[in-house]
Amino acid sequence: GSYVEVQDVAANLWLVQGNLVGSGTLATS
C-alpha cells in the first residue's frame, strides 16, 4: 500500500509526493 508519485518537472529535478506504510519506530526514507 506504500505509494510514491514522481514527476519530471525540470532538467535534473523530480517532484515527489508519497504516502508510505511502515511499522516500528519510523525513520527517514
mmCIF file of all heavy atoms, coordinates in Angstrom:
data_MODEL
# 
_entry.id   MODEL 
# 
loop_
_atom_site.group_PDB 
_atom_site.id 
_atom_site.type_symbol 
_atom_site.label_atom_id 
_atom_site.label_alt_id 
_atom_site.label_comp_id 
_atom_site.label_asym_id 
_atom_site.label_entity_id 
_atom_site.label_seq_id 
_atom_site.pdbx_PDB_ins_code 
_atom_site.Cartn_x 
_atom_site.Cartn_y 
_atom_site.Cartn_z 
_atom_site.occupancy 
_atom_site.B_iso_or_equiv 
_atom_site.pdbx_formal_charge 
_atom_site.auth_seq_id 
_atom_site.auth_comp_id 
_atom_site.auth_asym_id 
_atom_site.auth_atom_id 
_atom_site.pdbx_PDB_model_num 
ATOM 1   N N   . GLY A 1 1  ? 0.808  -1.218 0.000   1.00 0.00 ? 1  GLY A N   1 
ATOM 2   C CA  . GLY A 1 1  ? 0.000  0.000  0.000   1.00 0.00 ? 1  GLY A CA  1 
ATOM 3   C C   . GLY A 1 1  ? 0.840  1.267  0.000   1.00 0.00 ? 1  GLY A C   1 
ATOM 4   O O   . GLY A 1 1  ? 0.320  2.352  -0.256  1.00 0.00 ? 1  GLY A O   1 
ATOM 5   N N   . SER A 1 2  ? 2.127  1.164  0.259   1.00 0.00 ? 2  SER A N   1 
ATOM 6   C CA  . SER A 1 2  ? 3.013  2.328  0.147   1.00 0.00 ? 2  SER A CA  1 
ATOM 7   C C   . SER A 1 2  ? 2.974  2.818  -1.297  1.00 0.00 ? 2  SER A C   1 
ATOM 8   O O   . SER A 1 2  ? 2.957  2.018  -2.238  1.00 0.00 ? 2  SER A O   1 
ATOM 9   C CB  . SER A 1 2  ? 4.445  1.959  0.527   1.00 0.00 ? 2  SER A CB  1 
ATOM 10  O OG  . SER A 1 2  ? 4.548  1.601  1.884   1.00 0.00 ? 2  SER A OG  1 
ATOM 11  N N   . TYR A 1 3  ? 2.957  4.150  -1.482  1.00 0.00 ? 3  TYR A N   1 
ATOM 12  C CA  . TYR A 1 3  ? 2.749  4.718  -2.811  1.00 0.00 ? 3  TYR A CA  1 
ATOM 13  C C   . TYR A 1 3  ? 3.603  5.970  -2.987  1.00 0.00 ? 3  TYR A C   1 
ATOM 14  O O   . TYR A 1 3  ? 3.639  6.829  -2.104  1.00 0.00 ? 3  TYR A O   1 
ATOM 15  C CB  . TYR A 1 3  ? 1.271  5.076  -2.984  1.00 0.00 ? 3  TYR A CB  1 
ATOM 16  C CG  . TYR A 1 3  ? 0.934  5.738  -4.290  1.00 0.00 ? 3  TYR A CG  1 
ATOM 17  C CD1 . TYR A 1 3  ? 0.787  5.000  -5.454  1.00 0.00 ? 3  TYR A CD1 1 
ATOM 18  C CD2 . TYR A 1 3  ? 0.750  7.119  -4.365  1.00 0.00 ? 3  TYR A CD2 1 
ATOM 19  C CE1 . TYR A 1 3  ? 0.471  5.602  -6.656  1.00 0.00 ? 3  TYR A CE1 1 
ATOM 20  C CE2 . TYR A 1 3  ? 0.434  7.734  -5.568  1.00 0.00 ? 3  TYR A CE2 1 
ATOM 21  C CZ  . TYR A 1 3  ? 0.294  6.979  -6.709  1.00 0.00 ? 3  TYR A CZ  1 
ATOM 22  O OH  . TYR A 1 3  ? -0.016 7.573  -7.900  1.00 0.00 ? 3  TYR A OH  1 
ATOM 23  N N   . VAL A 1 4  ? 4.278  6.064  -4.124  1.00 0.00 ? 4  VAL A N   1 
ATOM 24  C CA  . VAL A 1 4  ? 5.091  7.233  -4.451  1.00 0.00 ? 4  VAL A CA  1 
ATOM 25  C C   . VAL A 1 4  ? 4.766  7.656  -5.876  1.00 0.00 ? 4  VAL A C   1 
ATOM 26  O O   . VAL A 1 4  ? 4.653  6.816  -6.777  1.00 0.00 ? 4  VAL A O   1 
ATOM 27  C CB  . VAL A 1 4  ? 6.608  6.919  -4.341  1.00 0.00 ? 4  VAL A CB  1 
ATOM 28  C CG1 . VAL A 1 4  ? 7.450  8.109  -4.797  1.00 0.00 ? 4  VAL A CG1 1 
ATOM 29  C CG2 . VAL A 1 4  ? 6.973  6.516  -2.924  1.00 0.00 ? 4  VAL A CG2 1 
ATOM 30  N N   . GLU A 1 5  ? 4.599  8.960  -6.063  1.00 0.00 ? 5  GLU A N   1 
ATOM 31  C CA  . GLU A 1 5  ? 4.404  9.508  -7.398  1.00 0.00 ? 5  GLU A CA  1 
ATOM 32  C C   . GLU A 1 5  ? 5.523  10.511 -7.659  1.00 0.00 ? 5  GLU A C   1 
ATOM 33  O O   . GLU A 1 5  ? 5.805  11.355 -6.815  1.00 0.00 ? 5  GLU A O   1 
ATOM 34  C CB  . GLU A 1 5  ? 3.041  10.196 -7.491  1.00 0.00 ? 5  GLU A CB  1 
ATOM 35  C CG  . GLU A 1 5  ? 2.712  10.713 -8.869  1.00 0.00 ? 5  GLU A CG  1 
ATOM 36  C CD  . GLU A 1 5  ? 1.289  11.237 -8.958  1.00 0.00 ? 5  GLU A CD  1 
ATOM 37  O OE1 . GLU A 1 5  ? 0.347  10.427 -8.839  1.00 0.00 ? 5  GLU A OE1 1 
ATOM 38  O OE2 . GLU A 1 5  ? 1.138  12.451 -9.139  1.00 0.00 ? 5  GLU A OE2 1 
ATOM 39  N N   . VAL A 1 6  ? 6.165  10.387 -8.810  1.00 0.00 ? 6  VAL A N   1 
ATOM 40  C CA  . VAL A 1 6  ? 7.248  11.298 -9.177  1.00 0.00 ? 6  VAL A CA  1 
ATOM 41  C C   . VAL A 1 6  ? 6.911  11.951 -10.514 1.00 0.00 ? 6  VAL A C   1 
ATOM 42  O O   . VAL A 1 6  ? 6.320  11.317 -11.390 1.00 0.00 ? 6  VAL A O   1 
ATOM 43  C CB  . VAL A 1 6  ? 8.614  10.580 -9.255  1.00 0.00 ? 6  VAL A CB  1 
ATOM 44  C CG1 . VAL A 1 6  ? 9.028  10.065 -7.888  1.00 0.00 ? 6  VAL A CG1 1 
ATOM 45  C CG2 . VAL A 1 6  ? 8.597  9.451  -10.247 1.00 0.00 ? 6  VAL A CG2 1 
ATOM 46  N N   . GLN A 1 7  ? 7.265  13.236 -10.631 1.00 0.00 ? 7  GLN A N   1 
ATOM 47  C CA  . GLN A 1 7  ? 7.026  13.953 -11.880 1.00 0.00 ? 7  GLN A CA  1 
ATOM 48  C C   . GLN A 1 7  ? 8.306  14.658 -12.305 1.00 0.00 ? 7  GLN A C   1 
ATOM 49  O O   . GLN A 1 7  ? 8.965  15.323 -11.504 1.00 0.00 ? 7  GLN A O   1 
ATOM 50  C CB  . GLN A 1 7  ? 5.905  14.980 -11.726 1.00 0.00 ? 7  GLN A CB  1 
ATOM 51  C CG  . GLN A 1 7  ? 5.590  15.686 -13.039 1.00 0.00 ? 7  GLN A CG  1 
ATOM 52  C CD  . GLN A 1 7  ? 4.378  16.587 -12.952 1.00 0.00 ? 7  GLN A CD  1 
ATOM 53  O OE1 . GLN A 1 7  ? 3.886  16.890 -11.876 1.00 0.00 ? 7  GLN A OE1 1 
ATOM 54  N NE2 . GLN A 1 7  ? 3.895  17.023 -14.092 1.00 0.00 ? 7  GLN A NE2 1 
ATOM 55  N N   . ASP A 1 8  ? 8.637  14.515 -13.570 1.00 0.00 ? 8  ASP A N   1 
ATOM 56  C CA  . ASP A 1 8  ? 9.804  15.151 -14.173 1.00 0.00 ? 8  ASP A CA  1 
ATOM 57  C C   . ASP A 1 8  ? 9.444  16.620 -14.428 1.00 0.00 ? 8  ASP A C   1 
ATOM 58  O O   . ASP A 1 8  ? 8.756  16.933 -15.386 1.00 0.00 ? 8  ASP A O   1 
ATOM 59  C CB  . ASP A 1 8  ? 10.135 14.407 -15.478 1.00 0.00 ? 8  ASP A CB  1 
ATOM 60  C CG  . ASP A 1 8  ? 11.319 14.993 -16.222 1.00 0.00 ? 8  ASP A CG  1 
ATOM 61  O OD1 . ASP A 1 8  ? 11.890 16.004 -15.776 1.00 0.00 ? 8  ASP A OD1 1 
ATOM 62  O OD2 . ASP A 1 8  ? 11.671 14.428 -17.275 1.00 0.00 ? 8  ASP A OD2 1 
ATOM 63  N N   . VAL A 1 9  ? 9.908  17.532 -13.553 1.00 0.00 ? 9  VAL A N   1 
ATOM 64  C CA  . VAL A 1 9  ? 9.472  18.929 -13.635 1.00 0.00 ? 9  VAL A CA  1 
ATOM 65  C C   . VAL A 1 9  ? 10.494 19.873 -14.248 1.00 0.00 ? 9  VAL A C   1 
ATOM 66  O O   . VAL A 1 9  ? 10.145 20.974 -14.654 1.00 0.00 ? 9  VAL A O   1 
ATOM 67  C CB  . VAL A 1 9  ? 9.042  19.469 -12.251 1.00 0.00 ? 9  VAL A CB  1 
ATOM 68  C CG1 . VAL A 1 9  ? 7.802  18.750 -11.759 1.00 0.00 ? 9  VAL A CG1 1 
ATOM 69  C CG2 . VAL A 1 9  ? 10.158 19.369 -11.239 1.00 0.00 ? 9  VAL A CG2 1 
ATOM 70  N N   . ALA A 1 10 ? 11.759 19.471 -14.318 1.00 0.00 ? 10 ALA A N   1 
ATOM 71  C CA  . ALA A 1 10 ? 12.798 20.322 -14.900 1.00 0.00 ? 10 ALA A CA  1 
ATOM 72  C C   . ALA A 1 10 ? 14.033 19.471 -15.143 1.00 0.00 ? 10 ALA A C   1 
ATOM 73  O O   . ALA A 1 10 ? 14.137 18.342 -14.643 1.00 0.00 ? 10 ALA A O   1 
ATOM 74  C CB  . ALA A 1 10 ? 13.137 21.478 -13.956 1.00 0.00 ? 10 ALA A CB  1 
ATOM 75  N N   . ALA A 1 11 ? 14.980 20.030 -15.866 1.00 0.00 ? 11 ALA A N   1 
ATOM 76  C CA  . ALA A 1 11 ? 16.244 19.326 -16.049 1.00 0.00 ? 11 ALA A CA  1 
ATOM 77  C C   . ALA A 1 11 ? 16.829 19.032 -14.670 1.00 0.00 ? 11 ALA A C   1 
ATOM 78  O O   . ALA A 1 11 ? 16.900 19.925 -13.820 1.00 0.00 ? 11 ALA A O   1 
ATOM 79  C CB  . ALA A 1 11 ? 17.215 20.169 -16.868 1.00 0.00 ? 11 ALA A CB  1 
ATOM 80  N N   . ASN A 1 12 ? 17.162 17.788 -14.427 1.00 0.00 ? 12 ASN A N   1 
ATOM 81  C CA  . ASN A 1 12 ? 17.783 17.329 -13.179 1.00 0.00 ? 12 ASN A CA  1 
ATOM 82  C C   . ASN A 1 12 ? 16.886 17.428 -11.953 1.00 0.00 ? 12 ASN A C   1 
ATOM 83  O O   . ASN A 1 12 ? 17.398 17.421 -10.829 1.00 0.00 ? 12 ASN A O   1 
ATOM 84  C CB  . ASN A 1 12 ? 19.093 18.090 -12.904 1.00 0.00 ? 12 ASN A CB  1 
ATOM 85  C CG  . ASN A 1 12 ? 20.069 17.983 -14.046 1.00 0.00 ? 12 ASN A CG  1 
ATOM 86  O OD1 . ASN A 1 12 ? 20.488 18.974 -14.616 1.00 0.00 ? 12 ASN A OD1 1 
ATOM 87  N ND2 . ASN A 1 12 ? 20.418 16.762 -14.423 1.00 0.00 ? 12 ASN A ND2 1 
ATOM 88  N N   . LEU A 1 13 ? 15.550 17.507 -12.118 1.00 0.00 ? 13 LEU A N   1 
ATOM 89  C CA  . LEU A 1 13 ? 14.686 17.688 -10.948 1.00 0.00 ? 13 LEU A CA  1 
ATOM 90  C C   . LEU A 1 13 ? 13.396 16.878 -11.040 1.00 0.00 ? 13 LEU A C   1 
ATOM 91  O O   . LEU A 1 13 ? 12.612 17.023 -11.990 1.00 0.00 ? 13 LEU A O   1 
ATOM 92  C CB  . LEU A 1 13 ? 14.344 19.162 -10.762 1.00 0.00 ? 13 LEU A CB  1 
ATOM 93  C CG  . LEU A 1 13 ? 13.602 19.502 -9.467  1.00 0.00 ? 13 LEU A CG  1 
ATOM 94  C CD1 . LEU A 1 13 ? 14.457 19.176 -8.246  1.00 0.00 ? 13 LEU A CD1 1 
ATOM 95  C CD2 . LEU A 1 13 ? 13.201 20.962 -9.471  1.00 0.00 ? 13 LEU A CD2 1 
ATOM 96  N N   . TRP A 1 14 ? 13.175 16.048 -10.001 1.00 0.00 ? 14 TRP A N   1 
ATOM 97  C CA  . TRP A 1 14 ? 11.946 15.262 -9.844  1.00 0.00 ? 14 TRP A CA  1 
ATOM 98  C C   . TRP A 1 14 ? 11.144 15.824 -8.685  1.00 0.00 ? 14 TRP A C   1 
ATOM 99  O O   . TRP A 1 14 ? 11.691 16.102 -7.612  1.00 0.00 ? 14 TRP A O   1 
ATOM 100 C CB  . TRP A 1 14 ? 12.289 13.803 -9.538  1.00 0.00 ? 14 TRP A CB  1 
ATOM 101 C CG  . TRP A 1 14 ? 12.841 13.075 -10.715 1.00 0.00 ? 14 TRP A CG  1 
ATOM 102 C CD1 . TRP A 1 14 ? 14.147 12.863 -11.021 1.00 0.00 ? 14 TRP A CD1 1 
ATOM 103 C CD2 . TRP A 1 14 ? 12.079 12.476 -11.761 1.00 0.00 ? 14 TRP A CD2 1 
ATOM 104 N NE1 . TRP A 1 14 ? 14.251 12.169 -12.188 1.00 0.00 ? 14 TRP A NE1 1 
ATOM 105 C CE2 . TRP A 1 14 ? 12.999 11.917 -12.672 1.00 0.00 ? 14 TRP A CE2 1 
ATOM 106 C CE3 . TRP A 1 14 ? 10.719 12.364 -12.021 1.00 0.00 ? 14 TRP A CE3 1 
ATOM 107 C CZ2 . TRP A 1 14 ? 12.594 11.245 -13.823 1.00 0.00 ? 14 TRP A CZ2 1 
ATOM 108 C CZ3 . TRP A 1 14 ? 10.318 11.689 -13.164 1.00 0.00 ? 14 TRP A CZ3 1 
ATOM 109 C CH2 . TRP A 1 14 ? 11.251 11.137 -14.054 1.00 0.00 ? 14 TRP A CH2 1 
ATOM 110 N N   . LEU A 1 15 ? 9.830  15.993 -8.880  1.00 0.00 ? 15 LEU A N   1 
ATOM 111 C CA  . LEU A 1 15 ? 8.901  16.353 -7.813  1.00 0.00 ? 15 LEU A CA  1 
ATOM 112 C C   . LEU A 1 15 ? 8.323  15.057 -7.275  1.00 0.00 ? 15 LEU A C   1 
ATOM 113 O O   . LEU A 1 15 ? 7.821  14.231 -8.042  1.00 0.00 ? 15 LEU A O   1 
ATOM 114 C CB  . LEU A 1 15 ? 7.776  17.244 -8.333  1.00 0.00 ? 15 LEU A CB  1 
ATOM 115 C CG  . LEU A 1 15 ? 6.652  17.548 -7.351  1.00 0.00 ? 15 LEU A CG  1 
ATOM 116 C CD1 . LEU A 1 15 ? 7.176  18.324 -6.147  1.00 0.00 ? 15 LEU A CD1 1 
ATOM 117 C CD2 . LEU A 1 15 ? 5.537  18.304 -8.052  1.00 0.00 ? 15 LEU A CD2 1 
ATOM 118 N N   . VAL A 1 16 ? 8.397  14.868 -5.947  1.00 0.00 ? 16 VAL A N   1 
ATOM 119 C CA  . VAL A 1 16 ? 7.968  13.617 -5.319  1.00 0.00 ? 16 VAL A CA  1 
ATOM 120 C C   . VAL A 1 16 ? 6.860  13.896 -4.324  1.00 0.00 ? 16 VAL A C   1 
ATOM 121 O O   . VAL A 1 16 ? 6.920  14.851 -3.546  1.00 0.00 ? 16 VAL A O   1 
ATOM 122 C CB  . VAL A 1 16 ? 9.147  12.949 -4.572  1.00 0.00 ? 16 VAL A CB  1 
ATOM 123 C CG1 . VAL A 1 16 ? 8.693  11.695 -3.852  1.00 0.00 ? 16 VAL A CG1 1 
ATOM 124 C CG2 . VAL A 1 16 ? 10.282 12.653 -5.526  1.00 0.00 ? 16 VAL A CG2 1 
ATOM 125 N N   . GLN A 1 17 ? 5.856  13.053 -4.335  1.00 0.00 ? 17 GLN A N   1 
ATOM 126 C CA  . GLN A 1 17 ? 4.866  13.030 -3.268  1.00 0.00 ? 17 GLN A CA  1 
ATOM 127 C C   . GLN A 1 17 ? 4.534  11.574 -2.994  1.00 0.00 ? 17 GLN A C   1 
ATOM 128 O O   . GLN A 1 17 ? 4.537  10.751 -3.907  1.00 0.00 ? 17 GLN A O   1 
ATOM 129 C CB  . GLN A 1 17 ? 3.627  13.845 -3.608  1.00 0.00 ? 17 GLN A CB  1 
ATOM 130 C CG  . GLN A 1 17 ? 3.033  13.608 -4.956  1.00 0.00 ? 17 GLN A CG  1 
ATOM 131 C CD  . GLN A 1 17 ? 1.949  14.618 -5.260  1.00 0.00 ? 17 GLN A CD  1 
ATOM 132 O OE1 . GLN A 1 17 ? 1.304  15.153 -4.377  1.00 0.00 ? 17 GLN A OE1 1 
ATOM 133 N NE2 . GLN A 1 17 ? 1.723  14.864 -6.523  1.00 0.00 ? 17 GLN A NE2 1 
ATOM 134 N N   . GLY A 1 18 ? 4.325  11.254 -1.739  1.00 0.00 ? 18 GLY A N   1 
ATOM 135 C CA  . GLY A 1 18 ? 4.064  9.872  -1.437  1.00 0.00 ? 18 GLY A CA  1 
ATOM 136 C C   . GLY A 1 18 ? 3.469  9.657  -0.066  1.00 0.00 ? 18 GLY A C   1 
ATOM 137 O O   . GLY A 1 18 ? 3.555  10.519 0.811   1.00 0.00 ? 18 GLY A O   1 
ATOM 138 N N   . ASN A 1 19 ? 2.861  8.509  0.076   1.00 0.00 ? 19 ASN A N   1 
ATOM 139 C CA  . ASN A 1 19 ? 2.321  8.045  1.345   1.00 0.00 ? 19 ASN A CA  1 
ATOM 140 C C   . ASN A 1 19 ? 2.812  6.615  1.539   1.00 0.00 ? 19 ASN A C   1 
ATOM 141 O O   . ASN A 1 19 ? 2.417  5.718  0.810   1.00 0.00 ? 19 ASN A O   1 
ATOM 142 C CB  . ASN A 1 19 ? 0.789  8.088  1.342   1.00 0.00 ? 19 ASN A CB  1 
ATOM 143 C CG  . ASN A 1 19 ? 0.276  9.504  1.324   1.00 0.00 ? 19 ASN A CG  1 
ATOM 144 O OD1 . ASN A 1 19 ? 0.474  10.251 2.279   1.00 0.00 ? 19 ASN A OD1 1 
ATOM 145 N ND2 . ASN A 1 19 ? -0.349 9.898  0.232   1.00 0.00 ? 19 ASN A ND2 1 
ATOM 146 N N   . LEU A 1 20 ? 3.692  6.463  2.501   1.00 0.00 ? 20 LEU A N   1 
ATOM 147 C CA  . LEU A 1 20 ? 4.274  5.157  2.771   1.00 0.00 ? 20 LEU A CA  1 
ATOM 148 C C   . LEU A 1 20 ? 3.624  4.540  3.991   1.00 0.00 ? 20 LEU A C   1 
ATOM 149 O O   . LEU A 1 20 ? 3.114  5.252  4.854   1.00 0.00 ? 20 LEU A O   1 
ATOM 150 C CB  . LEU A 1 20 ? 5.787  5.276  2.991   1.00 0.00 ? 20 LEU A CB  1 
ATOM 151 C CG  . LEU A 1 20 ? 6.570  6.019  1.904   1.00 0.00 ? 20 LEU A CG  1 
ATOM 152 C CD1 . LEU A 1 20 ? 8.058  6.021  2.239   1.00 0.00 ? 20 LEU A CD1 1 
ATOM 153 C CD2 . LEU A 1 20 ? 6.300  5.429  0.531   1.00 0.00 ? 20 LEU A CD2 1 
ATOM 154 N N   . VAL A 1 21 ? 3.651  3.223  4.065   1.00 0.00 ? 21 VAL A N   1 
ATOM 155 C CA  . VAL A 1 21 ? 3.129  2.486  5.206   1.00 0.00 ? 21 VAL A CA  1 
ATOM 156 C C   . VAL A 1 21 ? 4.302  1.740  5.823   1.00 0.00 ? 21 VAL A C   1 
ATOM 157 O O   . VAL A 1 21 ? 5.033  1.040  5.131   1.00 0.00 ? 21 VAL A O   1 
ATOM 158 C CB  . VAL A 1 21 ? 2.029  1.486  4.785   1.00 0.00 ? 21 VAL A CB  1 
ATOM 159 C CG1 . VAL A 1 21 ? 1.473  0.754  6.003   1.00 0.00 ? 21 VAL A CG1 1 
ATOM 160 C CG2 . VAL A 1 21 ? 0.922  2.202  4.013   1.00 0.00 ? 21 VAL A CG2 1 
ATOM 161 N N   . GLY A 1 22 ? 4.489  1.938  7.144   1.00 0.00 ? 22 GLY A N   1 
ATOM 162 C CA  . GLY A 1 22 ? 5.607  1.303  7.836   1.00 0.00 ? 22 GLY A CA  1 
ATOM 163 C C   . GLY A 1 22 ? 5.179  0.697  9.152   1.00 0.00 ? 22 GLY A C   1 
ATOM 164 O O   . GLY A 1 22 ? 4.000  0.695  9.507   1.00 0.00 ? 22 GLY A O   1 
ATOM 165 N N   . SER A 1 23 ? 6.159  0.191  9.889   1.00 0.00 ? 23 SER A N   1 
ATOM 166 C CA  . SER A 1 23 ? 5.909  -0.373 11.212  1.00 0.00 ? 23 SER A CA  1 
ATOM 167 C C   . SER A 1 23 ? 7.116  -0.102 12.090  1.00 0.00 ? 23 SER A C   1 
ATOM 168 O O   . SER A 1 23 ? 8.203  0.197  11.589  1.00 0.00 ? 23 SER A O   1 
ATOM 169 C CB  . SER A 1 23 ? 5.656  -1.886 11.108  1.00 0.00 ? 23 SER A CB  1 
ATOM 170 O OG  . SER A 1 23 ? 6.794  -2.545 10.594  1.00 0.00 ? 23 SER A OG  1 
ATOM 171 N N   . GLY A 1 24 ? 6.922  -0.167 13.375  1.00 0.00 ? 24 GLY A N   1 
ATOM 172 C CA  . GLY A 1 24 ? 8.031  0.097  14.297  1.00 0.00 ? 24 GLY A CA  1 
ATOM 173 C C   . GLY A 1 24 ? 8.232  1.583  14.494  1.00 0.00 ? 24 GLY A C   1 
ATOM 174 O O   . GLY A 1 24 ? 7.324  2.385  14.295  1.00 0.00 ? 24 GLY A O   1 
ATOM 175 N N   . THR A 1 25 ? 9.437  1.977  14.871  1.00 0.00 ? 25 THR A N   1 
ATOM 176 C CA  . THR A 1 25 ? 9.783  3.390  15.040  1.00 0.00 ? 25 THR A CA  1 
ATOM 177 C C   . THR A 1 25 ? 10.172 3.934  13.676  1.00 0.00 ? 25 THR A C   1 
ATOM 178 O O   . THR A 1 25 ? 11.195 3.557  13.114  1.00 0.00 ? 25 THR A O   1 
ATOM 179 C CB  . THR A 1 25 ? 10.943 3.552  16.036  1.00 0.00 ? 25 THR A CB  1 
ATOM 180 O OG1 . THR A 1 25 ? 10.552 2.969  17.283  1.00 0.00 ? 25 THR A OG1 1 
ATOM 181 C CG2 . THR A 1 25 ? 11.283 5.010  16.240  1.00 0.00 ? 25 THR A CG2 1 
ATOM 182 N N   . LEU A 1 26 ? 9.343  4.819  13.139  1.00 0.00 ? 26 LEU A N   1 
ATOM 183 C CA  . LEU A 1 26 ? 9.534  5.300  11.779  1.00 0.00 ? 26 LEU A CA  1 
ATOM 184 C C   . LEU A 1 26 ? 10.806 6.128  11.649  1.00 0.00 ? 26 LEU A C   1 
ATOM 185 O O   . LEU A 1 26 ? 11.211 6.823  12.576  1.00 0.00 ? 26 LEU A O   1 
ATOM 186 C CB  . LEU A 1 26 ? 8.317  6.105  11.341  1.00 0.00 ? 26 LEU A CB  1 
ATOM 187 C CG  . LEU A 1 26 ? 6.999  5.333  11.330  1.00 0.00 ? 26 LEU A CG  1 
ATOM 188 C CD1 . LEU A 1 26 ? 5.849  6.236  10.923  1.00 0.00 ? 26 LEU A CD1 1 
ATOM 189 C CD2 . LEU A 1 26 ? 7.080  4.119  10.417  1.00 0.00 ? 26 LEU A CD2 1 
ATOM 190 N N   . ALA A 1 27 ? 11.423 6.053  10.468  1.00 0.00 ? 27 ALA A N   1 
ATOM 191 C CA  . ALA A 1 27 ? 12.672 6.754  10.187  1.00 0.00 ? 27 ALA A CA  1 
ATOM 192 C C   . ALA A 1 27 ? 12.624 7.305  8.766   1.00 0.00 ? 27 ALA A C   1 
ATOM 193 O O   . ALA A 1 27 ? 11.743 6.970  7.979   1.00 0.00 ? 27 ALA A O   1 
ATOM 194 C CB  . ALA A 1 27 ? 13.847 5.783  10.348  1.00 0.00 ? 27 ALA A CB  1 
ATOM 195 N N   . THR A 1 28 ? 13.591 8.142  8.428   1.00 0.00 ? 28 THR A N   1 
ATOM 196 C CA  . THR A 1 28 ? 13.633 8.754  7.102   1.00 0.00 ? 28 THR A CA  1 
ATOM 197 C C   . THR A 1 28 ? 13.838 7.709  6.009   1.00 0.00 ? 28 THR A C   1 
ATOM 198 O O   . THR A 1 28 ? 14.581 6.754  6.159   1.00 0.00 ? 28 THR A O   1 
ATOM 199 C CB  . THR A 1 28 ? 14.723 9.841  7.022   1.00 0.00 ? 28 THR A CB  1 
ATOM 200 O OG1 . THR A 1 28 ? 14.610 10.491 5.748   1.00 0.00 ? 28 THR A OG1 1 
ATOM 201 C CG2 . THR A 1 28 ? 16.110 9.269  7.192   1.00 0.00 ? 28 THR A CG2 1 
ATOM 202 N N   . SER A 1 29 ? 13.165 7.947  4.885   1.00 0.00 ? 29 SER A N   1 
ATOM 203 C CA  . SER A 1 29 ? 13.289 7.047  3.745   1.00 0.00 ? 29 SER A CA  1 
ATOM 204 C C   . SER A 1 29 ? 14.091 7.677  2.609   1.00 0.00 ? 29 SER A C   1 
ATOM 205 O O   . SER A 1 29 ? 14.352 7.010  1.622   1.00 0.00 ? 29 SER A O   1 
ATOM 206 C CB  . SER A 1 29 ? 11.889 6.672  3.226   1.00 0.00 ? 29 SER A CB  1 
ATOM 207 O OG  . SER A 1 29 ? 11.193 7.828  2.826   1.00 0.00 ? 29 SER A OG  1 
# 
